[in-house]
Amino acid sequence: MADGMGCTCAAWSENECCCGVDWTSQREIDLRNELETVKSGLAARTKQAAEVTLKWRELQGELTTLRQKIDNLEPVAWKGITGDYGFIFLSFQEQPGMTPLYSLEGIKQ
């Protein structure tokens, strides 16, 4: 109990009490409990932030790798219906018996 409730020596304050009852105000107890709740929530959020940061760095590495692979692709010229020339990057998954138009050796890991 708090606020001296349960005092058996009829004291008016903690200074007069000889029975050892808790004289901490209920407001202080509530604030301590709220602080512990906030601390545990903060710890959980900090852990989540660390996990997100780790995943972000991992994805940045993958993005860099993909950009390097794209930079290594050779452009292939094509002629459209209108006769204009454009450039596209061909990407395909090699399948058994398929003859590639060009080598993908430069981008394989």
Protein backbone atom coordinates (compact mmCIF):
# COMPACT_ATOMS: atom_id res chain seq x y z
CA MET A 1 0.00 0.00 0.00
CA ALA A 2 1.02 3.62 -0.39
CA ASP A 3 0.45 6.97 1.30
CA GLY A 4 0.86 5.36 4.71
CA MET A 5 -2.30 3.31 4.36
CA GLY A 6 -2.23 0.42 6.76
CA CYS A 7 -0.16 2.28 9.36
CA THR A 8 -0.84 0.68 12.74
CA CYS A 9 1.01 3.21 14.91
CA ALA A 10 -1.35 6.15 14.14
CA ALA A 11 1.43 8.31 12.71
CA TRP A 12 0.67 11.47 10.69
CA SER A 13 3.73 11.16 8.42
CA GLU A 14 6.63 8.90 7.50
CA ASN A 15 8.83 10.69 10.06
CA GLU A 16 6.54 9.65 12.94
CA CYS A 17 5.84 6.11 11.70
CA CYS A 18 7.47 3.23 13.51
CA CYS A 19 5.62 0.32 11.90
CA GLY A 20 7.48 0.44 8.52
CA VAL A 21 4.52 1.13 6.23
CA ASP A 22 5.25 2.52 2.76
CA TRP A 23 4.53 6.27 2.70
CA THR A 24 5.36 6.73 -0.99
CA SER A 25 2.62 8.72 -2.69
CA GLN A 26 0.40 6.84 -5.10
CA ARG A 27 1.22 9.43 -7.79
CA GLU A 28 4.95 8.63 -7.47
CA ILE A 29 4.25 4.90 -7.68
CA ASP A 30 2.10 5.44 -10.79
CA LEU A 31 4.81 7.57 -12.41
CA ARG A 32 7.46 4.93 -11.68
CA ASN A 33 5.26 2.25 -13.27
CA GLU A 34 4.63 4.46 -16.30
CA LEU A 35 8.37 5.12 -16.63
CA GLU A 36 9.09 1.38 -16.63
CA THR A 37 6.43 0.86 -19.32
CA VAL A 38 7.97 3.61 -21.46
CA LYS A 39 11.48 2.21 -20.96
CA SER A 40 10.43 -1.28 -22.04
CA GLY A 41 8.59 0.15 -25.06
CA LEU A 42 11.65 2.20 -25.98
CA ALA A 43 13.87 -0.86 -25.73
CA ALA A 44 11.56 -2.78 -28.07
CA ARG A 45 11.49 0.12 -30.56
CA THR A 46 15.27 0.44 -30.42
CA LYS A 47 15.60 -3.26 -31.24
CA GLN A 48 13.16 -2.89 -34.15
CA ALA A 49 15.05 0.14 -35.44
CA ALA A 50 18.30 -1.81 -35.37
CA GLU A 51 16.70 -4.67 -37.32
CA VAL A 52 15.26 -2.25 -39.90
CA THR A 53 18.64 -0.53 -40.26
CA LEU A 54 20.34 -3.88 -40.80
CA LYS A 55 17.78 -4.88 -43.44
CA TRP A 56 18.13 -1.44 -45.10
CA ARG A 57 21.90 -1.90 -45.41
CA GLU A 58 21.41 -5.38 -46.82
CA LEU A 59 18.98 -4.07 -49.44
CA GLN A 60 21.34 -1.22 -50.33
CA GLY A 61 24.04 -3.81 -51.00
CA GLU A 62 21.68 -5.81 -53.21
CA LEU A 63 20.69 -2.65 -55.08
CA THR A 64 24.34 -1.80 -55.71
CA THR A 65 24.94 -5.30 -57.03
CA LEU A 66 21.93 -5.07 -59.34
CA ARG A 67 23.02 -1.67 -60.63
CA GLN A 68 26.45 -3.10 -61.43
CA LYS A 69 24.84 -5.98 -63.31
CA ILE A 70 22.68 -3.56 -65.29
CA ASP A 71 25.73 -1.46 -66.12
CA ASN A 72 27.44 -4.60 -67.48
CA LEU A 73 24.59 -5.46 -69.87
CA GLU A 74 25.27 -4.82 -73.53
CA PRO A 75 22.63 -2.77 -75.35
CA VAL A 76 21.04 -4.46 -78.37
CA ALA A 77 19.87 -2.35 -81.32
CA TRP A 78 16.40 -2.97 -82.68
CA LYS A 79 14.43 -1.48 -85.51
CA GLY A 80 10.84 -0.59 -84.83
CA ILE A 81 7.91 -0.54 -87.22
CA THR A 82 8.54 3.14 -87.97
CA GLY A 83 12.17 2.46 -88.88
CA ASP A 84 13.61 4.22 -85.83
CA TYR A 85 16.48 2.62 -84.02
CA GLY A 86 16.35 2.24 -80.28
CA PHE A 87 18.29 0.43 -77.64
CA ILE A 88 16.98 -2.07 -75.15
CA PHE A 89 18.60 -4.33 -72.65
CA LEU A 90 17.83 -7.97 -73.15
CA SER A 91 17.52 -10.13 -70.12
CA PHE A 92 16.30 -13.69 -70.13
CA GLN A 93 16.68 -16.81 -68.18
CA GLU A 94 18.69 -19.37 -70.06
CA GLN A 95 16.77 -22.55 -70.60
CA PRO A 96 18.04 -25.95 -71.76
CA GLY A 97 18.48 -26.04 -75.53
CA MET A 98 18.19 -22.27 -75.87
CA THR A 99 20.91 -20.45 -77.78
CA PRO A 100 21.49 -17.02 -76.23
CA LEU A 101 21.74 -13.99 -78.53
CA TYR A 102 24.81 -12.89 -76.63
CA SER A 103 26.84 -14.03 -73.67
CA LEU A 104 25.72 -13.27 -70.13
CA GLU A 105 29.06 -14.32 -68.67
CA GLY A 106 29.87 -10.76 -67.60
CA ILE A 107 26.92 -10.58 -65.20
CA LYS A 108 26.87 -14.05 -63.69
CA GLN A 109 28.03 -14.36 -60.13
